[in-house]
């Protein structure tokens, strides 16, 4: 199964969306990167470093700005019509989702070697490669929801 389809199935599991958002918002992690690492069964350090660099650049230049605009459009913005604002927010949300898919397709194309790592080990290594590692309990929560 390809990464995008696997991610959609994983994200539909109970607890996965909440754990991903917590890792993203509270701990500065990129959930696309974390999920790729699990799907790829724990890529090695070199593959993680390459993917993390690519992901951080995409996050800074594309995903982050889209997310900021989407969140900004959530609140009223007088005198802008609510219907127009919310319609634009939906468009930005669709663009953000597409940007996440493009990033995941790029990760998948790296063809990182699969090492057969368990979910928590893959998440722990990926979190450390991304930047300041997330707390072990937050990673364990996502691992439990994915397994």
C-alpha atoms as a PDB file:
ATOM      1  CA  UNK A   1       0.000   0.000   0.000  1.00  0.00           C
ATOM      2  CA  UNK A   2       1.315   3.438  -0.886  1.00  0.00           C
ATOM      3  CA  UNK A   3       2.149   5.984   1.796  1.00  0.00           C
ATOM      4  CA  UNK A   4      -0.818   8.278   1.135  1.00  0.00           C
ATOM      5  CA  UNK A   5      -3.394   5.478   1.293  1.00  0.00           C
ATOM      6  CA  UNK A   6      -1.699   4.034   4.370  1.00  0.00           C
ATOM      7  CA  UNK A   7      -1.768   7.473   6.014  1.00  0.00           C
ATOM      8  CA  UNK A   8      -5.469   7.973   5.310  1.00  0.00           C
ATOM      9  CA  UNK A   9      -6.227   4.564   6.836  1.00  0.00           C
ATOM     10  CA  UNK A  10      -3.971   5.263   9.834  1.00  0.00           C
ATOM     11  CA  UNK A  11      -5.474   8.711  10.391  1.00  0.00           C
ATOM     12  CA  UNK A  12      -8.950   7.146  10.530  1.00  0.00           C
ATOM     13  CA  UNK A  13      -7.990   5.078  13.586  1.00  0.00           C
ATOM     14  CA  UNK A  14      -9.227   6.285  16.970  1.00  0.00           C
ATOM     15  CA  UNK A  15      -6.741   8.522  18.724  1.00  0.00           C
ATOM     16  CA  UNK A  16      -4.423   9.046  15.756  1.00  0.00           C
ATOM     17  CA  UNK A  17      -5.637  12.537  14.735  1.00  0.00           C
ATOM     18  CA  UNK A  18      -5.490  13.795  18.311  1.00  0.00           C
ATOM     19  CA  UNK A  19      -2.021  12.335  18.919  1.00  0.00           C
ATOM     20  CA  UNK A  20      -0.745  13.789  15.636  1.00  0.00           C
ATOM     21  CA  UNK A  21      -2.102  17.256  16.397  1.00  0.00           C
ATOM     22  CA  UNK A  22      -0.599  17.162  19.887  1.00  0.00           C
ATOM     23  CA  UNK A  23       2.803  16.250  18.459  1.00  0.00           C
ATOM     24  CA  UNK A  24       2.462  18.984  15.837  1.00  0.00           C
ATOM     25  CA  UNK A  25       1.104  21.820  17.938  1.00  0.00           C
ATOM     26  CA  UNK A  26       2.628  21.169  21.359  1.00  0.00           C
ATOM     27  CA  UNK A  27       5.952  19.627  20.346  1.00  0.00           C
ATOM     28  CA  UNK A  28       6.806  21.094  16.924  1.00  0.00           C
ATOM     29  CA  UNK A  29       6.807  17.759  15.102  1.00  0.00           C
ATOM     30  CA  UNK A  30       5.750  17.194  11.502  1.00  0.00           C
ATOM     31  CA  UNK A  31       3.149  14.438  11.447  1.00  0.00           C
ATOM     32  CA  UNK A  32       3.699  13.671   7.778  1.00  0.00           C
ATOM     33  CA  UNK A  33       7.349  12.940   8.577  1.00  0.00           C
ATOM     34  CA  UNK A  34       6.470  10.839  11.623  1.00  0.00           C
ATOM     35  CA  UNK A  35       3.890   8.794   9.732  1.00  0.00           C
ATOM     36  CA  UNK A  36       6.294   8.285   6.828  1.00  0.00           C
ATOM     37  CA  UNK A  37       8.889   6.920   9.256  1.00  0.00           C
ATOM     38  CA  UNK A  38       6.381   4.400  10.620  1.00  0.00           C
ATOM     39  CA  UNK A  39       5.224   3.417   7.118  1.00  0.00           C
ATOM     40  CA  UNK A  40       8.858   3.026   6.035  1.00  0.00           C
ATOM     41  CA  UNK A  41       9.482   0.825   9.096  1.00  0.00           C
ATOM     42  CA  UNK A  42      12.206   2.966  10.575  1.00  0.00           C
ATOM     43  CA  UNK A  43      14.419   4.414   7.870  1.00  0.00           C
ATOM     44  CA  UNK A  44      18.096   4.640   8.715  1.00  0.00           C
ATOM     45  CA  UNK A  45      19.773   7.792  10.060  1.00  0.00           C
ATOM     46  CA  UNK A  46      20.894   9.027   6.636  1.00  0.00           C
ATOM     47  CA  UNK A  47      17.413   8.639   5.121  1.00  0.00           C
ATOM     48  CA  UNK A  48      15.874  10.318   8.176  1.00  0.00           C
ATOM     49  CA  UNK A  49      18.279  13.240   7.900  1.00  0.00           C
ATOM     50  CA  UNK A  50      17.567  13.748   4.201  1.00  0.00           C
ATOM     51  CA  UNK A  51      13.809  13.527   4.692  1.00  0.00           C
ATOM     52  CA  UNK A  52      13.875  15.768   7.775  1.00  0.00           C
ATOM     53  CA  UNK A  53      15.773  18.480   5.901  1.00  0.00           C
ATOM     54  CA  UNK A  54      13.350  18.322   3.027  1.00  0.00           C
ATOM     55  CA  UNK A  55      10.360  18.297   5.374  1.00  0.00           C
ATOM     56  CA  UNK A  56      11.589  21.224   7.476  1.00  0.00           C
ATOM     57  CA  UNK A  57      12.067  23.319   4.335  1.00  0.00           C
ATOM     58  CA  UNK A  58       8.590  22.397   3.009  1.00  0.00           C
ATOM     59  CA  UNK A  59       7.087  23.079   6.444  1.00  0.00           C
ATOM     60  CA  UNK A  60       8.692  26.519   6.641  1.00  0.00           C
ATOM     61  CA  UNK A  61       7.948  27.612   3.113  1.00  0.00           C
ATOM     62  CA  UNK A  62       4.627  25.916   2.291  1.00  0.00           C
ATOM     63  CA  UNK A  63       2.778  24.034   5.041  1.00  0.00           C
ATOM     64  CA  UNK A  64       3.364  26.488   7.858  1.00  0.00           C
ATOM     65  CA  UNK A  65       2.122  29.534   5.954  1.00  0.00           C
ATOM     66  CA  UNK A  66      -0.953  27.653   4.700  1.00  0.00           C
ATOM     67  CA  UNK A  67      -1.732  26.429   8.232  1.00  0.00           C
ATOM     68  CA  UNK A  68      -1.382  29.962   9.580  1.00  0.00           C
ATOM     69  CA  UNK A  69      -3.780  31.369   6.977  1.00  0.00           C
ATOM     70  CA  UNK A  70      -6.292  28.558   7.585  1.00  0.00           C
ATOM     71  CA  UNK A  71      -6.238  29.145  11.336  1.00  0.00           C
ATOM     72  CA  UNK A  72      -6.482  32.913  10.871  1.00  0.00           C
ATOM     73  CA  UNK A  73      -9.597  32.474   8.740  1.00  0.00           C
ATOM     74  CA  UNK A  74     -11.320  30.456  11.468  1.00  0.00           C
ATOM     75  CA  UNK A  75     -12.194  33.596  13.448  1.00  0.00           C
ATOM     76  CA  UNK A  76     -14.556  36.368  12.394  1.00  0.00           C
ATOM     77  CA  UNK A  77     -12.903  39.024  10.258  1.00  0.00           C
ATOM     78  CA  UNK A  78     -15.285  42.003  10.107  1.00  0.00           C
ATOM     79  CA  UNK A  79     -16.374  43.379   7.740  1.00  0.00           C
ATOM     80  CA  UNK A  80     -15.585  40.322   5.580  1.00  0.00           C
ATOM     81  CA  UNK A  81     -18.682  38.217   4.980  1.00  0.00           C
ATOM     82  CA  UNK A  82     -18.622  35.018   7.050  1.00  0.00           C
ATOM     83  CA  UNK A  83     -19.656  32.862   4.110  1.00  0.00           C
ATOM     84  CA  UNK A  84     -16.880  34.245   1.924  1.00  0.00           C
ATOM     85  CA  UNK A  85     -14.319  33.890   4.727  1.00  0.00           C
ATOM     86  CA  UNK A  86     -15.318  30.306   5.496  1.00  0.00           C
ATOM     87  CA  UNK A  87     -15.349  29.410   1.800  1.00  0.00           C
ATOM     88  CA  UNK A  88     -11.828  30.745   1.477  1.00  0.00           C
ATOM     89  CA  UNK A  89     -10.834  28.803   4.606  1.00  0.00           C
ATOM     90  CA  UNK A  90     -12.082  25.591   2.958  1.00  0.00           C
ATOM     91  CA  UNK A  91     -10.008  26.380  -0.134  1.00  0.00           C
ATOM     92  CA  UNK A  92      -6.906  26.979   1.988  1.00  0.00           C
ATOM     93  CA  UNK A  93      -7.576  23.777   3.951  1.00  0.00           C
ATOM     94  CA  UNK A  94      -7.736  21.845   0.672  1.00  0.00           C
ATOM     95  CA  UNK A  95      -4.447  23.432  -0.418  1.00  0.00           C
ATOM     96  CA  UNK A  96      -2.880  22.516   2.927  1.00  0.00           C
ATOM     97  CA  UNK A  97      -4.009  18.907   2.552  1.00  0.00           C
ATOM     98  CA  UNK A  98      -2.627  18.825  -0.984  1.00  0.00           C
ATOM     99  CA  UNK A  99       0.674  20.242   0.277  1.00  0.00           C
ATOM    100  CA  UNK A 100       0.842  17.460   2.877  1.00  0.00           C
ATOM    101  CA  UNK A 101       0.189  14.903   0.161  1.00  0.00           C
ATOM    102  CA  UNK A 102       2.922  16.370  -2.052  1.00  0.00           C
ATOM    103  CA  UNK A 103       5.333  16.149   0.873  1.00  0.00           C
ATOM    104  CA  UNK A 104       4.394  12.537   1.556  1.00  0.00           C
ATOM    105  CA  UNK A 105       4.717  11.624  -2.110  1.00  0.00           C
ATOM    106  CA  UNK A 106       8.184  13.156  -1.999  1.00  0.00           C
ATOM    107  CA  UNK A 107       9.066  11.145   1.115  1.00  0.00           C
ATOM    108  CA  UNK A 108       7.790   7.979  -0.545  1.00  0.00           C
ATOM    109  CA  UNK A 109       9.900   8.658  -3.637  1.00  0.00           C
ATOM    110  CA  UNK A 110      13.035   8.656  -1.470  1.00  0.00           C
ATOM    111  CA  UNK A 111      12.664   4.865  -1.343  1.00  0.00           C
ATOM    112  CA  UNK A 112      14.207   4.660   2.105  1.00  0.00           C
ATOM    113  CA  UNK A 113      15.226   1.196   3.125  1.00  0.00           C
ATOM    114  CA  UNK A 114      12.766  -0.544   5.415  1.00  0.00           C
ATOM    115  CA  UNK A 115      14.443  -1.772   8.564  1.00  0.00           C
ATOM    116  CA  UNK A 116      11.443  -3.516  10.132  1.00  0.00           C
ATOM    117  CA  UNK A 117      11.499  -1.187  13.132  1.00  0.00           C
ATOM    118  CA  UNK A 118       8.547  -1.296  15.530  1.00  0.00           C
ATOM    119  CA  UNK A 119       6.235   1.710  15.489  1.00  0.00           C
ATOM    120  CA  UNK A 120       7.532   3.355  18.665  1.00  0.00           C
ATOM    121  CA  UNK A 121      11.168   2.932  17.620  1.00  0.00           C
ATOM    122  CA  UNK A 122      10.444   4.473  14.212  1.00  0.00           C
ATOM    123  CA  UNK A 123       8.614   7.404  15.828  1.00  0.00           C
ATOM    124  CA  UNK A 124      11.374   7.974  18.376  1.00  0.00           C
ATOM    125  CA  UNK A 125      14.106   8.049  15.733  1.00  0.00           C
ATOM    126  CA  UNK A 126      12.066  10.295  13.440  1.00  0.00           C
ATOM    127  CA  UNK A 127      11.186  12.696  16.248  1.00  0.00           C
ATOM    128  CA  UNK A 128      14.855  13.042  17.171  1.00  0.00           C
ATOM    129  CA  UNK A 129      15.795  13.587  13.515  1.00  0.00           C
ATOM    130  CA  UNK A 130      13.155  16.304  13.129  1.00  0.00           C
ATOM    131  CA  UNK A 131      14.483  18.501  15.895  1.00  0.00           C
ATOM    132  CA  UNK A 132      14.040  18.641  19.600  1.00  0.00           C
ATOM    133  CA  UNK A 133      12.503  15.228  20.272  1.00  0.00           C
ATOM    134  CA  UNK A 134       8.936  15.010  21.471  1.00  0.00           C
ATOM    135  CA  UNK A 135       8.325  13.581  24.942  1.00  0.00           C
ATOM    136  CA  UNK A 136       8.343   9.772  24.995  1.00  0.00           C
ATOM    137  CA  UNK A 137       4.786   9.622  26.339  1.00  0.00           C
ATOM    138  CA  UNK A 138       3.457  11.689  23.402  1.00  0.00           C
ATOM    139  CA  UNK A 139       5.193   9.362  20.939  1.00  0.00           C
ATOM    140  CA  UNK A 140       3.941   6.322  22.838  1.00  0.00           C
ATOM    141  CA  UNK A 141       0.377   7.638  22.584  1.00  0.00           C
ATOM    142  CA  UNK A 142       0.651   7.854  18.798  1.00  0.00           C
ATOM    143  CA  UNK A 143       2.377   4.459  18.587  1.00  0.00           C
ATOM    144  CA  UNK A 144      -0.404   2.836  20.596  1.00  0.00           C
ATOM    145  CA  UNK A 145      -3.063   4.391  18.362  1.00  0.00           C
ATOM    146  CA  UNK A 146      -1.248   3.208  15.228  1.00  0.00           C
ATOM    147  CA  UNK A 147      -0.619  -0.367  16.412  1.00  0.00           C
END
